[in-house]
């Protein structure tokens, strides 16, 4: 399950970066903010998984 969560975190980060870049390109502040939020969500998920791994080993 941990591998699935890690890949989901990476996917959220990538989608967030793409959405943020698209928002900046078209001048849409809302889309830019949503992209940053998705990146943050992915970062939080990744940090949680790293914390789990630290206790596992």
PDB file of N, CA and C in Angstrom:
ATOM      1  N   UNK A   1       0.823  -1.189   0.000  1.00  0.00           N
ATOM      2  CA  UNK A   1       0.000   0.000   0.000  1.00  0.00           C
ATOM      3  C   UNK A   1       0.868   1.255   0.000  1.00  0.00           C
ATOM      4  N   UNK A   2       1.999   1.209   0.645  1.00  0.00           N
ATOM      5  CA  UNK A   2       2.847   2.394   0.741  1.00  0.00           C
ATOM      6  C   UNK A   2       3.318   2.838  -0.636  1.00  0.00           C
ATOM      7  N   UNK A   3       3.635   1.885  -1.499  1.00  0.00           N
ATOM      8  CA  UNK A   3       4.067   2.234  -2.850  1.00  0.00           C
ATOM      9  C   UNK A   3       2.982   2.961  -3.615  1.00  0.00           C
ATOM     10  N   UNK A   4       1.755   2.526  -3.401  1.00  0.00           N
ATOM     11  CA  UNK A   4       0.615   3.167  -4.046  1.00  0.00           C
ATOM     12  C   UNK A   4       0.474   4.610  -3.577  1.00  0.00           C
ATOM     13  N   UNK A   5       0.639   4.854  -2.295  1.00  0.00           N
ATOM     14  CA  UNK A   5       0.524   6.205  -1.741  1.00  0.00           C
ATOM     15  C   UNK A   5       1.660   7.099  -2.226  1.00  0.00           C
ATOM     16  N   UNK A   6       2.849   6.520  -2.338  1.00  0.00           N
ATOM     17  CA  UNK A   6       3.994   7.297  -2.823  1.00  0.00           C
ATOM     18  C   UNK A   6       3.789   7.725  -4.266  1.00  0.00           C
ATOM     19  N   UNK A   7       3.291   6.819  -5.088  1.00  0.00           N
ATOM     20  CA  UNK A   7       3.059   7.173  -6.489  1.00  0.00           C
ATOM     21  C   UNK A   7       1.928   8.186  -6.600  1.00  0.00           C
ATOM     22  N   UNK A   8       0.943   8.082  -5.727  1.00  0.00           N
ATOM     23  CA  UNK A   8      -0.163   9.048  -5.731  1.00  0.00           C
ATOM     24  C   UNK A   8       0.355  10.442  -5.355  1.00  0.00           C
ATOM     25  N   UNK A   9       1.288  10.494  -4.403  1.00  0.00           N
ATOM     26  CA  UNK A   9       1.876  11.769  -3.998  1.00  0.00           C
ATOM     27  C   UNK A   9       2.630  12.404  -5.162  1.00  0.00           C
ATOM     28  N   UNK A  10       3.416  11.599  -5.872  1.00  0.00           N
ATOM     29  CA  UNK A  10       4.173  12.111  -7.015  1.00  0.00           C
ATOM     30  C   UNK A  10       3.233  12.605  -8.107  1.00  0.00           C
ATOM     31  N   UNK A  11       2.141  11.870  -8.328  1.00  0.00           N
ATOM     32  CA  UNK A  11       1.180  12.254  -9.344  1.00  0.00           C
ATOM     33  C   UNK A  11       0.501  13.582  -8.973  1.00  0.00           C
ATOM     34  N   UNK A  12       0.141  13.743  -7.710  1.00  0.00           N
ATOM     35  CA  UNK A  12      -0.476  14.990  -7.262  1.00  0.00           C
ATOM     36  C   UNK A  12       0.479  16.168  -7.433  1.00  0.00           C
ATOM     37  N   UNK A  13       1.746  15.940  -7.116  1.00  0.00           N
ATOM     38  CA  UNK A  13       2.733  17.003  -7.266  1.00  0.00           C
ATOM     39  C   UNK A  13       2.882  17.395  -8.733  1.00  0.00           C
ATOM     40  N   UNK A  14       2.946  16.413  -9.620  1.00  0.00           N
ATOM     41  CA  UNK A  14       3.106  16.687 -11.044  1.00  0.00           C
ATOM     42  C   UNK A  14       1.877  17.398 -11.610  1.00  0.00           C
ATOM     43  N   UNK A  15       0.687  16.934 -11.226  1.00  0.00           N
ATOM     44  CA  UNK A  15      -0.537  17.582 -11.699  1.00  0.00           C
ATOM     45  C   UNK A  15      -0.607  19.022 -11.196  1.00  0.00           C
ATOM     46  N   UNK A  16      -0.203  19.219  -9.953  1.00  0.00           N
ATOM     47  CA  UNK A  16      -0.219  20.559  -9.386  1.00  0.00           C
ATOM     48  C   UNK A  16       0.710  21.503 -10.114  1.00  0.00           C
ATOM     49  N   UNK A  17       1.907  21.014 -10.436  1.00  0.00           N
ATOM     50  CA  UNK A  17       2.863  21.848 -11.170  1.00  0.00           C
ATOM     51  C   UNK A  17       2.324  22.205 -12.551  1.00  0.00           C
ATOM     52  N   UNK A  18       1.713  21.226 -13.215  1.00  0.00           N
ATOM     53  CA  UNK A  18       1.168  21.485 -14.544  1.00  0.00           C
ATOM     54  C   UNK A  18       0.024  22.493 -14.471  1.00  0.00           C
ATOM     55  N   UNK A  19      -0.852  22.327 -13.485  1.00  0.00           N
ATOM     56  CA  UNK A  19      -1.984  23.238 -13.349  1.00  0.00           C
ATOM     57  C   UNK A  19      -1.510  24.645 -12.999  1.00  0.00           C
ATOM     58  N   UNK A  20      -0.510  24.735 -12.138  1.00  0.00           N
ATOM     59  CA  UNK A  20       0.031  26.043 -11.773  1.00  0.00           C
ATOM     60  C   UNK A  20       0.641  26.732 -12.994  1.00  0.00           C
ATOM     61  N   UNK A  21       1.410  25.988 -13.776  1.00  0.00           N
ATOM     62  CA  UNK A  21       2.039  26.550 -14.966  1.00  0.00           C
ATOM     63  C   UNK A  21       0.987  26.993 -15.979  1.00  0.00           C
ATOM     64  N   UNK A  22      -0.049  26.187 -16.158  1.00  0.00           N
ATOM     65  CA  UNK A  22      -1.116  26.557 -17.092  1.00  0.00           C
ATOM     66  C   UNK A  22      -1.841  27.804 -16.611  1.00  0.00           C
ATOM     67  N   UNK A  23      -2.080  27.873 -15.317  1.00  0.00           N
ATOM     68  CA  UNK A  23      -2.738  29.049 -14.752  1.00  0.00           C
ATOM     69  C   UNK A  23      -1.935  30.313 -14.948  1.00  0.00           C
ATOM     70  N   UNK A  24      -0.642  30.200 -14.772  1.00  0.00           N
ATOM     71  CA  UNK A  24       0.230  31.364 -14.990  1.00  0.00           C
ATOM     72  C   UNK A  24       0.243  31.769 -16.457  1.00  0.00           C
ATOM     73  N   UNK A  25       0.248  30.764 -17.343  1.00  0.00           N
ATOM     74  CA  UNK A  25       0.321  31.046 -18.781  1.00  0.00           C
ATOM     75  C   UNK A  25      -0.910  31.811 -19.272  1.00  0.00           C
ATOM     76  N   UNK A  26      -2.073  31.467 -18.735  1.00  0.00           N
ATOM     77  CA  UNK A  26      -3.296  32.131 -19.190  1.00  0.00           C
ATOM     78  C   UNK A  26      -3.712  33.274 -18.275  1.00  0.00           C
ATOM     79  N   UNK A  27      -2.975  33.463 -17.194  1.00  0.00           N
ATOM     80  CA  UNK A  27      -3.283  34.559 -16.274  1.00  0.00           C
ATOM     81  C   UNK A  27      -4.449  34.272 -15.350  1.00  0.00           C
ATOM     82  N   UNK A  28      -4.707  33.004 -15.088  1.00  0.00           N
ATOM     83  CA  UNK A  28      -5.816  32.601 -14.228  1.00  0.00           C
ATOM     84  C   UNK A  28      -5.285  32.348 -12.817  1.00  0.00           C
ATOM     85  N   UNK A  29      -5.542  33.270 -11.910  1.00  0.00           N
ATOM     86  CA  UNK A  29      -5.021  33.159 -10.541  1.00  0.00           C
ATOM     87  C   UNK A  29      -5.636  31.982  -9.792  1.00  0.00           C
ATOM     88  N   UNK A  30      -6.901  31.707 -10.054  1.00  0.00           N
ATOM     89  CA  UNK A  30      -7.564  30.594  -9.361  1.00  0.00           C
ATOM     90  C   UNK A  30      -6.907  29.264  -9.724  1.00  0.00           C
ATOM     91  N   UNK A  31      -6.642  29.054 -11.007  1.00  0.00           N
ATOM     92  CA  UNK A  31      -6.009  27.818 -11.443  1.00  0.00           C
ATOM     93  C   UNK A  31      -4.605  27.708 -10.858  1.00  0.00           C
ATOM     94  N   UNK A  32      -3.890  28.814 -10.800  1.00  0.00           N
ATOM     95  CA  UNK A  32      -2.550  28.824 -10.213  1.00  0.00           C
ATOM     96  C   UNK A  32      -2.617  28.418  -8.745  1.00  0.00           C
ATOM     97  N   UNK A  33      -3.578  28.959  -8.026  1.00  0.00           N
ATOM     98  CA  UNK A  33      -3.732  28.634  -6.608  1.00  0.00           C
ATOM     99  C   UNK A  33      -4.121  27.172  -6.414  1.00  0.00           C
ATOM    100  N   UNK A  34      -4.996  26.659  -7.271  1.00  0.00           N
ATOM    101  CA  UNK A  34      -5.380  25.249  -7.183  1.00  0.00           C
ATOM    102  C   UNK A  34      -4.171  24.350  -7.432  1.00  0.00           C
ATOM    103  N   UNK A  35      -3.329  24.741  -8.367  1.00  0.00           N
ATOM    104  CA  UNK A  35      -2.120  23.972  -8.652  1.00  0.00           C
ATOM    105  C   UNK A  35      -1.186  23.934  -7.457  1.00  0.00           C
ATOM    106  N   UNK A  36      -1.024  25.083  -6.800  1.00  0.00           N
ATOM    107  CA  UNK A  36      -0.181  25.122  -5.605  1.00  0.00           C
ATOM    108  C   UNK A  36      -0.773  24.247  -4.498  1.00  0.00           C
ATOM    109  N   UNK A  37      -2.090  24.262  -4.363  1.00  0.00           N
ATOM    110  CA  UNK A  37      -2.754  23.453  -3.338  1.00  0.00           C
ATOM    111  C   UNK A  37      -2.542  21.960  -3.604  1.00  0.00           C
ATOM    112  N   UNK A  38      -2.638  21.553  -4.868  1.00  0.00           N
ATOM    113  CA  UNK A  38      -2.406  20.146  -5.200  1.00  0.00           C
ATOM    114  C   UNK A  38      -0.964  19.746  -4.894  1.00  0.00           C
ATOM    115  N   UNK A  39      -0.035  20.641  -5.192  1.00  0.00           N
ATOM    116  CA  UNK A  39       1.368  20.349  -4.887  1.00  0.00           C
ATOM    117  C   UNK A  39       1.559  20.171  -3.389  1.00  0.00           C
ATOM    118  N   UNK A  40       0.947  21.037  -2.614  1.00  0.00           N
ATOM    119  CA  UNK A  40       1.059  20.953  -1.157  1.00  0.00           C
ATOM    120  C   UNK A  40       0.472  19.659  -0.636  1.00  0.00           C
ATOM    121  N   UNK A  41      -0.640  19.267  -1.210  1.00  0.00           N
ATOM    122  CA  UNK A  41      -1.284  18.009  -0.811  1.00  0.00           C
ATOM    123  C   UNK A  41      -0.351  16.830  -1.105  1.00  0.00           C
ATOM    124  N   UNK A  42       0.269  16.856  -2.269  1.00  0.00           N
ATOM    125  CA  UNK A  42       1.222  15.804  -2.633  1.00  0.00           C
ATOM    126  C   UNK A  42       2.441  15.821  -1.733  1.00  0.00           C
ATOM    127  N   UNK A  43       2.920  17.008  -1.383  1.00  0.00           N
ATOM    128  CA  UNK A  43       4.070  17.131  -0.484  1.00  0.00           C
ATOM    129  C   UNK A  43       3.737  16.551   0.895  1.00  0.00           C
ATOM    130  N   UNK A  44       2.536  16.843   1.379  1.00  0.00           N
ATOM    131  CA  UNK A  44       2.124  16.341   2.692  1.00  0.00           C
ATOM    132  C   UNK A  44       2.015  14.827   2.676  1.00  0.00           C
ATOM    133  N   UNK A  45       1.441  14.287   1.613  1.00  0.00           N
ATOM    134  CA  UNK A  45       1.304  12.832   1.503  1.00  0.00           C
ATOM    135  C   UNK A  45       2.685  12.173   1.459  1.00  0.00           C
ATOM    136  N   UNK A  46       3.609  12.790   0.717  1.00  0.00           N
ATOM    137  CA  UNK A  46       4.960  12.245   0.614  1.00  0.00           C
ATOM    138  C   UNK A  46       5.674  12.295   1.971  1.00  0.00           C
ATOM    139  N   UNK A  47       5.510  13.379   2.693  1.00  0.00           N
ATOM    140  CA  UNK A  47       6.138  13.501   4.011  1.00  0.00           C
ATOM    141  C   UNK A  47       5.588  12.448   4.970  1.00  0.00           C
ATOM    142  N   UNK A  48       4.293  12.206   4.892  1.00  0.00           N
ATOM    143  CA  UNK A  48       3.670  11.186   5.744  1.00  0.00           C
ATOM    144  C   UNK A  48       4.264   9.812   5.446  1.00  0.00           C
ATOM    145  N   UNK A  49       4.424   9.493   4.170  1.00  0.00           N
ATOM    146  CA  UNK A  49       4.975   8.197   3.790  1.00  0.00           C
ATOM    147  C   UNK A  49       6.446   8.080   4.208  1.00  0.00           C
ATOM    148  N   UNK A  50       7.200   9.160   4.094  1.00  0.00           N
ATOM    149  CA  UNK A  50       8.595   9.129   4.541  1.00  0.00           C
ATOM    150  C   UNK A  50       8.677   8.909   6.039  1.00  0.00           C
ATOM    151  N   UNK A  51       7.765   9.509   6.777  1.00  0.00           N
ATOM    152  CA  UNK A  51       7.715   9.307   8.225  1.00  0.00           C
ATOM    153  C   UNK A  51       7.407   7.863   8.567  1.00  0.00           C
ATOM    154  N   UNK A  52       6.490   7.268   7.849  1.00  0.00           N
ATOM    155  CA  UNK A  52       6.169   5.857   8.069  1.00  0.00           C
ATOM    156  C   UNK A  52       7.391   4.985   7.806  1.00  0.00           C
ATOM    157  N   UNK A  53       8.094   5.293   6.697  1.00  0.00           N
ATOM    158  CA  UNK A  53       9.279   4.506   6.349  1.00  0.00           C
ATOM    159  C   UNK A  53      10.359   4.623   7.423  1.00  0.00           C
ATOM    160  N   UNK A  54      10.485   5.774   8.013  1.00  0.00           N
ATOM    161  CA  UNK A  54      11.515   5.976   9.042  1.00  0.00           C
ATOM    162  C   UNK A  54      11.252   5.090  10.242  1.00  0.00           C
ATOM    163  N   UNK A  55      10.000   4.895  10.594  1.00  0.00           N
ATOM    164  CA  UNK A  55       9.677   4.055  11.733  1.00  0.00           C
ATOM    165  C   UNK A  55       9.716   2.576  11.399  1.00  0.00           C
ATOM    166  N   UNK A  56       9.566   2.255  10.131  1.00  0.00           N
ATOM    167  CA  UNK A  56       9.586   0.867   9.700  1.00  0.00           C
ATOM    168  C   UNK A  56      10.988   0.266   9.725  1.00  0.00           C
ATOM    169  N   UNK A  57      11.982   1.106   9.460  1.00  0.00           N
ATOM    170  CA  UNK A  57      13.363   0.578   9.316  1.00  0.00           C
ATOM    171  C   UNK A  57      14.157   0.824  10.544  1.00  0.00           C
TER     172      UNK A  57
END
